[in-house]
């Protein structure tokens, strides 16, 4: 009886198939854009393509940033996003997407530009915090902002209320090591955008010109200082006309990280 060769479905798909799923499930359309999101050189993408091997850490980073199922991304199995996350980025939830930028000005505005909407079918005791496609730089690099939620995480409403205003909270991924050891590259932070009074010395997600940063905000005699926990990074001084380019997204009230 002849034996027919079949594809081993337990092995990850080839690079081209993987990249096709990346383009399907994200806004990435080029290998250069993929390298930028992964934080690697373009040559690393070429090497992965030549080897037909996808590093696991790439799968995990794309899963975190875009809220995609790693099993779907690597093997094509199941849905791209689990049902609760898929609901969060479809229909009315998508149309009520969270805005990231507060108004610029000499007096930073801490009011959210758009409230985050909990899912209608969640019990009252649970609130779904949307994860937005924003890569917050904890160094000094570029950032990508996409107002539409790409997923979400359920939290106890009472717990969120103790931290701030649940409807004004979003989850974002951090890129860079300037806030280590407290906040590390790849961590996810919970940002409360409703805080009306700045607490100097606390950690905030802030925008300065074309960068979004996670820093401790300190008052100085002539303006502000954005201070890194990592002593290898010097404080960023914001003063004079530079204050017009400074905006506060919100205060970081919690973080989580994946172990291993």
C-alpha atoms as a PDB file:
ATOM      1  CA  UNK A   1       0.000   0.000   0.000  1.00  0.00           C
ATOM      2  CA  UNK A   2       1.630   3.265  -1.079  1.00  0.00           C
ATOM      3  CA  UNK A   3       2.342   5.863   1.538  1.00  0.00           C
ATOM      4  CA  UNK A   4       1.449   9.469   0.808  1.00  0.00           C
ATOM      5  CA  UNK A   5       3.584  12.233   2.194  1.00  0.00           C
ATOM      6  CA  UNK A   6       1.599  14.657   4.310  1.00  0.00           C
ATOM      7  CA  UNK A   7       2.566  17.957   5.830  1.00  0.00           C
ATOM      8  CA  UNK A   8       3.489  17.668   9.508  1.00  0.00           C
ATOM      9  CA  UNK A   9       0.897  19.942  11.104  1.00  0.00           C
ATOM     10  CA  UNK A  10       2.796  19.901  14.405  1.00  0.00           C
ATOM     11  CA  UNK A  11       5.597  21.964  12.884  1.00  0.00           C
ATOM     12  CA  UNK A  12       5.373  25.718  12.445  1.00  0.00           C
ATOM     13  CA  UNK A  13       4.581  26.949   8.963  1.00  0.00           C
ATOM     14  CA  UNK A  14       7.293  28.335   6.711  1.00  0.00           C
ATOM     15  CA  UNK A  15       8.283  31.974   7.010  1.00  0.00           C
ATOM     16  CA  UNK A  16       6.160  33.124   4.076  1.00  0.00           C
ATOM     17  CA  UNK A  17       3.033  31.587   5.594  1.00  0.00           C
ATOM     18  CA  UNK A  18       3.879  33.059   8.984  1.00  0.00           C
ATOM     19  CA  UNK A  19       4.401  36.498   7.468  1.00  0.00           C
ATOM     20  CA  UNK A  20       1.089  36.223   5.604  1.00  0.00           C
ATOM     21  CA  UNK A  21      -0.638  35.686   8.958  1.00  0.00           C
ATOM     22  CA  UNK A  22       1.255  38.645  10.430  1.00  0.00           C
ATOM     23  CA  UNK A  23      -0.086  40.864   7.642  1.00  0.00           C
ATOM     24  CA  UNK A  24      -3.577  39.428   8.127  1.00  0.00           C
ATOM     25  CA  UNK A  25      -3.694  39.968  11.884  1.00  0.00           C
ATOM     26  CA  UNK A  26      -1.778  43.243  12.225  1.00  0.00           C
ATOM     27  CA  UNK A  27      -1.082  46.474  10.388  1.00  0.00           C
ATOM     28  CA  UNK A  28       2.391  45.229   9.414  1.00  0.00           C
ATOM     29  CA  UNK A  29       2.772  45.120   5.631  1.00  0.00           C
ATOM     30  CA  UNK A  30       6.543  44.951   5.078  1.00  0.00           C
ATOM     31  CA  UNK A  31       9.452  43.018   6.525  1.00  0.00           C
ATOM     32  CA  UNK A  32      11.043  46.328   7.491  1.00  0.00           C
ATOM     33  CA  UNK A  33       7.956  47.180   9.554  1.00  0.00           C
ATOM     34  CA  UNK A  34       8.092  43.720  11.143  1.00  0.00           C
ATOM     35  CA  UNK A  35      11.718  44.303  12.134  1.00  0.00           C
ATOM     36  CA  UNK A  36      10.796  47.668  13.663  1.00  0.00           C
ATOM     37  CA  UNK A  37       7.995  46.179  15.782  1.00  0.00           C
ATOM     38  CA  UNK A  38      10.222  43.296  16.902  1.00  0.00           C
ATOM     39  CA  UNK A  39      13.097  45.625  17.699  1.00  0.00           C
ATOM     40  CA  UNK A  40      15.566  43.730  15.483  1.00  0.00           C
ATOM     41  CA  UNK A  41      17.687  44.568  12.457  1.00  0.00           C
ATOM     42  CA  UNK A  42      16.297  43.973   8.984  1.00  0.00           C
ATOM     43  CA  UNK A  43      19.013  41.344   8.490  1.00  0.00           C
ATOM     44  CA  UNK A  44      17.510  39.261  11.311  1.00  0.00           C
ATOM     45  CA  UNK A  45      14.282  38.988   9.316  1.00  0.00           C
ATOM     46  CA  UNK A  46      16.234  37.865   6.245  1.00  0.00           C
ATOM     47  CA  UNK A  47      18.075  35.235   8.289  1.00  0.00           C
ATOM     48  CA  UNK A  48      14.822  33.888   9.728  1.00  0.00           C
ATOM     49  CA  UNK A  49      13.373  33.673   6.223  1.00  0.00           C
ATOM     50  CA  UNK A  50      16.433  31.828   4.921  1.00  0.00           C
ATOM     51  CA  UNK A  51      16.309  29.360   7.816  1.00  0.00           C
ATOM     52  CA  UNK A  52      12.521  29.019   7.634  1.00  0.00           C
ATOM     53  CA  UNK A  53      12.532  29.314  11.421  1.00  0.00           C
ATOM     54  CA  UNK A  54      10.619  31.808  13.553  1.00  0.00           C
ATOM     55  CA  UNK A  55      12.128  32.611  16.987  1.00  0.00           C
ATOM     56  CA  UNK A  56       9.685  32.006  19.812  1.00  0.00           C
ATOM     57  CA  UNK A  57      10.364  35.435  21.288  1.00  0.00           C
ATOM     58  CA  UNK A  58       9.078  36.981  18.049  1.00  0.00           C
ATOM     59  CA  UNK A  59       5.826  35.050  18.390  1.00  0.00           C
ATOM     60  CA  UNK A  60       5.431  36.174  21.997  1.00  0.00           C
ATOM     61  CA  UNK A  61       6.173  39.833  21.241  1.00  0.00           C
ATOM     62  CA  UNK A  62       3.707  39.992  18.351  1.00  0.00           C
ATOM     63  CA  UNK A  63       1.131  38.246  20.525  1.00  0.00           C
ATOM     64  CA  UNK A  64       1.580  40.836  23.285  1.00  0.00           C
ATOM     65  CA  UNK A  65       1.658  43.885  21.042  1.00  0.00           C
ATOM     66  CA  UNK A  66      -1.321  42.942  18.859  1.00  0.00           C
ATOM     67  CA  UNK A  67      -3.371  40.697  21.161  1.00  0.00           C
ATOM     68  CA  UNK A  68      -3.062  37.761  18.750  1.00  0.00           C
ATOM     69  CA  UNK A  69      -3.193  34.100  19.749  1.00  0.00           C
ATOM     70  CA  UNK A  70       0.383  32.756  19.573  1.00  0.00           C
ATOM     71  CA  UNK A  71      -0.983  29.352  18.519  1.00  0.00           C
ATOM     72  CA  UNK A  72      -2.738  30.936  15.535  1.00  0.00           C
ATOM     73  CA  UNK A  73       0.252  33.092  14.679  1.00  0.00           C
ATOM     74  CA  UNK A  74       2.721  30.199  14.728  1.00  0.00           C
ATOM     75  CA  UNK A  75       0.618  27.259  13.553  1.00  0.00           C
ATOM     76  CA  UNK A  76      -2.552  28.752  12.076  1.00  0.00           C
ATOM     77  CA  UNK A  77      -4.687  26.904  14.632  1.00  0.00           C
ATOM     78  CA  UNK A  78      -7.851  28.353  16.149  1.00  0.00           C
ATOM     79  CA  UNK A  79      -8.924  31.979  15.957  1.00  0.00           C
ATOM     80  CA  UNK A  80      -6.528  34.886  15.583  1.00  0.00           C
ATOM     81  CA  UNK A  81      -7.937  36.336  18.775  1.00  0.00           C
ATOM     82  CA  UNK A  82      -9.879  34.628  21.565  1.00  0.00           C
ATOM     83  CA  UNK A  83     -13.568  35.499  21.521  1.00  0.00           C
ATOM     84  CA  UNK A  84     -13.478  38.195  24.247  1.00  0.00           C
ATOM     85  CA  UNK A  85     -10.572  39.929  22.537  1.00  0.00           C
ATOM     86  CA  UNK A  86     -12.120  39.639  19.098  1.00  0.00           C
ATOM     87  CA  UNK A  87     -15.289  41.251  20.448  1.00  0.00           C
ATOM     88  CA  UNK A  88     -13.217  44.100  21.842  1.00  0.00           C
ATOM     89  CA  UNK A  89     -11.973  45.116  18.407  1.00  0.00           C
ATOM     90  CA  UNK A  90     -15.189  44.702  16.446  1.00  0.00           C
ATOM     91  CA  UNK A  91     -18.461  46.565  16.073  1.00  0.00           C
ATOM     92  CA  UNK A  92     -19.227  49.381  18.450  1.00  0.00           C
ATOM     93  CA  UNK A  93     -16.196  48.653  20.634  1.00  0.00           C
ATOM     94  CA  UNK A  94     -13.906  49.388  17.714  1.00  0.00           C
ATOM     95  CA  UNK A  95     -15.820  52.541  16.801  1.00  0.00           C
ATOM     96  CA  UNK A  96     -15.413  53.812  20.362  1.00  0.00           C
ATOM     97  CA  UNK A  97     -11.641  53.316  20.178  1.00  0.00           C
ATOM     98  CA  UNK A  98      -9.436  54.896  22.776  1.00  0.00           C
ATOM     99  CA  UNK A  99      -7.595  58.118  21.918  1.00  0.00           C
ATOM    100  CA  UNK A 100      -4.020  58.299  23.149  1.00  0.00           C
ATOM    101  CA  UNK A 101      -2.986  61.924  22.859  1.00  0.00           C
ATOM    102  CA  UNK A 102      -3.951  64.629  25.319  1.00  0.00           C
ATOM    103  CA  UNK A 103      -3.935  68.264  24.193  1.00  0.00           C
ATOM    104  CA  UNK A 104      -0.544  69.929  24.045  1.00  0.00           C
ATOM    105  CA  UNK A 105       0.062  73.099  26.021  1.00  0.00           C
ATOM    106  CA  UNK A 106       2.118  74.738  28.711  1.00  0.00           C
ATOM    107  CA  UNK A 107      -0.253  73.325  31.307  1.00  0.00           C
ATOM    108  CA  UNK A 108      -0.372  69.595  30.554  1.00  0.00           C
ATOM    109  CA  UNK A 109      -3.881  68.197  30.234  1.00  0.00           C
ATOM    110  CA  UNK A 110      -4.562  64.945  32.021  1.00  0.00           C
ATOM    111  CA  UNK A 111      -8.117  64.509  30.790  1.00  0.00           C
ATOM    112  CA  UNK A 112      -8.703  61.498  28.521  1.00  0.00           C
ATOM    113  CA  UNK A 113      -9.592  62.406  24.949  1.00  0.00           C
ATOM    114  CA  UNK A 114     -11.962  59.445  24.659  1.00  0.00           C
ATOM    115  CA  UNK A 115     -13.318  57.095  27.346  1.00  0.00           C
ATOM    116  CA  UNK A 116     -12.626  53.390  27.100  1.00  0.00           C
ATOM    117  CA  UNK A 117     -15.826  51.375  26.845  1.00  0.00           C
ATOM    118  CA  UNK A 118     -16.332  48.125  28.812  1.00  0.00           C
ATOM    119  CA  UNK A 119     -17.906  45.232  26.964  1.00  0.00           C
ATOM    120  CA  UNK A 120     -21.672  45.168  27.321  1.00  0.00           C
ATOM    121  CA  UNK A 121     -21.903  41.453  28.152  1.00  0.00           C
ATOM    122  CA  UNK A 122     -19.491  41.531  31.098  1.00  0.00           C
ATOM    123  CA  UNK A 123     -20.902  41.240  34.628  1.00  0.00           C
ATOM    124  CA  UNK A 124     -21.009  44.545  36.548  1.00  0.00           C
ATOM    125  CA  UNK A 125     -18.156  43.436  38.822  1.00  0.00           C
ATOM    126  CA  UNK A 126     -15.797  43.031  35.843  1.00  0.00           C
ATOM    127  CA  UNK A 127     -14.378  45.722  33.575  1.00  0.00           C
ATOM    128  CA  UNK A 128     -12.540  45.020  30.323  1.00  0.00           C
ATOM    129  CA  UNK A 129      -9.560  47.342  29.965  1.00  0.00           C
ATOM    130  CA  UNK A 130      -8.670  47.739  26.279  1.00  0.00           C
ATOM    131  CA  UNK A 131      -5.135  47.145  25.113  1.00  0.00           C
ATOM    132  CA  UNK A 132      -4.204  49.759  22.566  1.00  0.00           C
ATOM    133  CA  UNK A 133      -1.654  49.394  19.830  1.00  0.00           C
ATOM    134  CA  UNK A 134       0.802  51.839  21.282  1.00  0.00           C
ATOM    135  CA  UNK A 135       4.433  51.008  21.809  1.00  0.00           C
ATOM    136  CA  UNK A 136       5.606  53.209  24.631  1.00  0.00           C
ATOM    137  CA  UNK A 137       9.303  53.925  24.471  1.00  0.00           C
ATOM    138  CA  UNK A 138      11.130  53.635  27.774  1.00  0.00           C
ATOM    139  CA  UNK A 139      14.229  54.726  25.915  1.00  0.00           C
ATOM    140  CA  UNK A 140      14.166  57.398  23.274  1.00  0.00           C
ATOM    141  CA  UNK A 141      13.038  55.528  20.197  1.00  0.00           C
ATOM    142  CA  UNK A 142      10.156  55.853  17.815  1.00  0.00           C
ATOM    143  CA  UNK A 143       6.634  54.802  18.608  1.00  0.00           C
ATOM    144  CA  UNK A 144       3.577  53.445  16.889  1.00  0.00           C
ATOM    145  CA  UNK A 145       0.109  54.565  17.918  1.00  0.00           C
ATOM    146  CA  UNK A 146      -3.110  52.967  16.740  1.00  0.00           C
ATOM    147  CA  UNK A 147      -6.195  54.219  18.546  1.00  0.00           C
ATOM    148  CA  UNK A 148      -8.250  51.093  17.870  1.00  0.00           C
ATOM    149  CA  UNK A 149      -8.047  48.530  20.710  1.00  0.00           C
ATOM    150  CA  UNK A 150      -6.321  45.293  19.725  1.00  0.00           C
ATOM    151  CA  UNK A 151      -7.438  43.271  22.707  1.00  0.00           C
ATOM    152  CA  UNK A 152      -8.327  43.602  26.325  1.00  0.00           C
ATOM    153  CA  UNK A 153      -7.910  42.211  29.802  1.00  0.00           C
ATOM    154  CA  UNK A 154     -10.702  41.765  32.357  1.00  0.00           C
ATOM    155  CA  UNK A 155     -10.133  43.245  35.810  1.00  0.00           C
ATOM    156  CA  UNK A 156     -12.245  43.403  38.940  1.00  0.00           C
ATOM    157  CA  UNK A 157     -14.025  46.760  38.775  1.00  0.00           C
ATOM    158  CA  UNK A 158     -13.529  47.374  42.500  1.00  0.00           C
ATOM    159  CA  UNK A 159      -9.768  46.827  42.181  1.00  0.00           C
ATOM    160  CA  UNK A 160      -9.516  49.248  39.256  1.00  0.00           C
ATOM    161  CA  UNK A 161     -11.560  51.833  41.149  1.00  0.00           C
ATOM    162  CA  UNK A 162      -8.982  51.806  43.930  1.00  0.00           C
ATOM    163  CA  UNK A 163      -6.311  52.608  41.337  1.00  0.00           C
ATOM    164  CA  UNK A 164      -8.195  55.347  39.504  1.00  0.00           C
ATOM    165  CA  UNK A 165     -10.988  55.643  36.933  1.00  0.00           C
ATOM    166  CA  UNK A 166     -11.669  52.290  35.216  1.00  0.00           C
ATOM    167  CA  UNK A 167     -13.298  53.829  32.133  1.00  0.00           C
ATOM    168  CA  UNK A 168     -10.184  55.939  31.471  1.00  0.00           C
ATOM    169  CA  UNK A 169      -7.659  53.110  31.679  1.00  0.00           C
ATOM    170  CA  UNK A 170      -5.746  51.440  28.860  1.00  0.00           C
ATOM    171  CA  UNK A 171      -3.041  48.789  28.623  1.00  0.00           C
ATOM    172  CA  UNK A 172       0.118  49.470  26.624  1.00  0.00           C
ATOM    173  CA  UNK A 173       3.393  47.642  25.944  1.00  0.00           C
ATOM    174  CA  UNK A 174       6.719  49.188  26.934  1.00  0.00           C
ATOM    175  CA  UNK A 175       9.810  49.136  24.735  1.00  0.00           C
ATOM    176  CA  UNK A 176      13.274  49.937  26.066  1.00  0.00           C
ATOM    177  CA  UNK A 177      15.330  49.531  29.233  1.00  0.00           C
ATOM    178  CA  UNK A 178      15.565  53.065  30.621  1.00  0.00           C
ATOM    179  CA  UNK A 179      13.097  52.346  33.449  1.00  0.00           C
ATOM    180  CA  UNK A 180      14.769  49.143  34.606  1.00  0.00           C
ATOM    181  CA  UNK A 181      14.794  47.524  37.053  1.00  0.00           C
ATOM    182  CA  UNK A 182      11.207  48.485  37.920  1.00  0.00           C
ATOM    183  CA  UNK A 183       9.773  48.514  34.390  1.00  0.00           C
ATOM    184  CA  UNK A 184      11.416  46.271  31.810  1.00  0.00           C
ATOM    185  CA  UNK A 185      11.375  45.955  28.057  1.00  0.00           C
ATOM    186  CA  UNK A 186       8.245  44.048  27.020  1.00  0.00           C
ATOM    187  CA  UNK A 187       6.249  44.798  30.177  1.00  0.00           C
ATOM    188  CA  UNK A 188       2.596  45.747  29.872  1.00  0.00           C
ATOM    189  CA  UNK A 189       1.538  48.790  31.877  1.00  0.00           C
ATOM    190  CA  UNK A 190      -1.886  49.937  33.036  1.00  0.00           C
ATOM    191  CA  UNK A 191      -2.267  53.658  32.380  1.00  0.00           C
ATOM    192  CA  UNK A 192      -4.935  55.794  34.070  1.00  0.00           C
ATOM    193  CA  UNK A 193      -5.634  58.794  31.838  1.00  0.00           C
ATOM    194  CA  UNK A 194      -8.100  60.478  34.181  1.00  0.00           C
ATOM    195  CA  UNK A 195      -5.740  61.806  36.848  1.00  0.00           C
ATOM    196  CA  UNK A 196      -6.297  65.552  37.136  1.00  0.00           C
ATOM    197  CA  UNK A 197      -3.431  66.388  39.477  1.00  0.00           C
ATOM    198  CA  UNK A 198       0.122  65.447  38.560  1.00  0.00           C
ATOM    199  CA  UNK A 199       2.015  63.642  41.306  1.00  0.00           C
ATOM    200  CA  UNK A 200       5.621  64.613  40.812  1.00  0.00           C
ATOM    201  CA  UNK A 201       7.985  61.690  41.288  1.00  0.00           C
ATOM    202  CA  UNK A 202       5.443  59.198  39.924  1.00  0.00           C
ATOM    203  CA  UNK A 203       5.750  57.291  36.635  1.00  0.00           C
ATOM    204  CA  UNK A 204       3.746  58.626  33.691  1.00  0.00           C
ATOM    205  CA  UNK A 205       3.261  57.820  30.036  1.00  0.00           C
ATOM    206  CA  UNK A 206       4.047  61.116  28.353  1.00  0.00           C
ATOM    207  CA  UNK A 207       4.476  62.497  24.870  1.00  0.00           C
ATOM    208  CA  UNK A 208       7.291  64.821  23.894  1.00  0.00           C
ATOM    209  CA  UNK A 209       7.411  66.010  20.288  1.00  0.00           C
ATOM    210  CA  UNK A 210       7.215  62.778  18.237  1.00  0.00           C
ATOM    211  CA  UNK A 211       8.072  60.315  21.016  1.00  0.00           C
ATOM    212  CA  UNK A 212       5.980  58.613  23.679  1.00  0.00           C
ATOM    213  CA  UNK A 213       7.946  57.827  26.824  1.00  0.00           C
ATOM    214  CA  UNK A 214       7.550  56.198  30.225  1.00  0.00           C
ATOM    215  CA  UNK A 215       9.349  58.375  32.780  1.00  0.00           C
ATOM    216  CA  UNK A 216       9.225  59.745  36.288  1.00  0.00           C
ATOM    217  CA  UNK A 217       8.080  63.341  36.037  1.00  0.00           C
ATOM    218  CA  UNK A 218       9.875  65.771  38.336  1.00  0.00           C
ATOM    219  CA  UNK A 219       9.398  69.510  38.786  1.00  0.00           C
ATOM    220  CA  UNK A 220      12.381  71.788  38.190  1.00  0.00           C
ATOM    221  CA  UNK A 221      12.736  75.553  38.767  1.00  0.00           C
ATOM    222  CA  UNK A 222      12.285  76.260  35.057  1.00  0.00           C
ATOM    223  CA  UNK A 223      10.074  73.393  33.922  1.00  0.00           C
ATOM    224  CA  UNK A 224      10.070  69.602  34.150  1.00  0.00           C
ATOM    225  CA  UNK A 225      12.561  66.743  34.172  1.00  0.00           C
ATOM    226  CA  UNK A 226      11.718  63.317  32.745  1.00  0.00           C
ATOM    227  CA  UNK A 227      13.822  60.962  34.833  1.00  0.00           C
ATOM    228  CA  UNK A 228      14.764  57.354  34.063  1.00  0.00           C
ATOM    229  CA  UNK A 229      15.210  54.737  36.800  1.00  0.00           C
ATOM    230  CA  UNK A 230      18.160  53.322  34.860  1.00  0.00           C
ATOM    231  CA  UNK A 231      21.174  55.496  35.816  1.00  0.00           C
ATOM    232  CA  UNK A 232      22.663  54.974  32.352  1.00  0.00           C
ATOM    233  CA  UNK A 233      20.097  57.456  31.000  1.00  0.00           C
ATOM    234  CA  UNK A 234      20.321  61.184  31.692  1.00  0.00           C
ATOM    235  CA  UNK A 235      17.193  63.171  32.613  1.00  0.00           C
ATOM    236  CA  UNK A 236      15.332  64.864  29.781  1.00  0.00           C
ATOM    237  CA  UNK A 237      14.809  68.564  30.532  1.00  0.00           C
ATOM    238  CA  UNK A 238      11.577  70.173  29.367  1.00  0.00           C
ATOM    239  CA  UNK A 239      11.415  73.941  29.644  1.00  0.00           C
ATOM    240  CA  UNK A 240      10.379  77.097  27.842  1.00  0.00           C
ATOM    241  CA  UNK A 241       8.786  76.508  24.456  1.00  0.00           C
ATOM    242  CA  UNK A 242       9.458  72.764  24.810  1.00  0.00           C
ATOM    243  CA  UNK A 243       6.563  72.619  27.278  1.00  0.00           C
ATOM    244  CA  UNK A 244       4.219  73.235  24.349  1.00  0.00           C
ATOM    245  CA  UNK A 245       5.341  69.890  22.886  1.00  0.00           C
ATOM    246  CA  UNK A 246       4.841  68.064  26.191  1.00  0.00           C
ATOM    247  CA  UNK A 247       1.644  66.143  26.898  1.00  0.00           C
ATOM    248  CA  UNK A 248       0.585  63.670  29.542  1.00  0.00           C
ATOM    249  CA  UNK A 249      -1.132  60.467  28.454  1.00  0.00           C
ATOM    250  CA  UNK A 250      -1.668  59.141  31.964  1.00  0.00           C
ATOM    251  CA  UNK A 251      -0.158  57.766  35.145  1.00  0.00           C
ATOM    252  CA  UNK A 252       1.225  54.233  35.220  1.00  0.00           C
ATOM    253  CA  UNK A 253      -0.602  52.498  38.075  1.00  0.00           C
ATOM    254  CA  UNK A 254       0.269  48.811  37.519  1.00  0.00           C
ATOM    255  CA  UNK A 255       2.410  46.558  35.375  1.00  0.00           C
ATOM    256  CA  UNK A 256       2.697  42.911  34.423  1.00  0.00           C
ATOM    257  CA  UNK A 257       5.344  40.854  32.673  1.00  0.00           C
ATOM    258  CA  UNK A 258       5.674  37.422  31.172  1.00  0.00           C
ATOM    259  CA  UNK A 259       8.164  35.116  32.881  1.00  0.00           C
ATOM    260  CA  UNK A 260      10.469  32.805  30.986  1.00  0.00           C
END
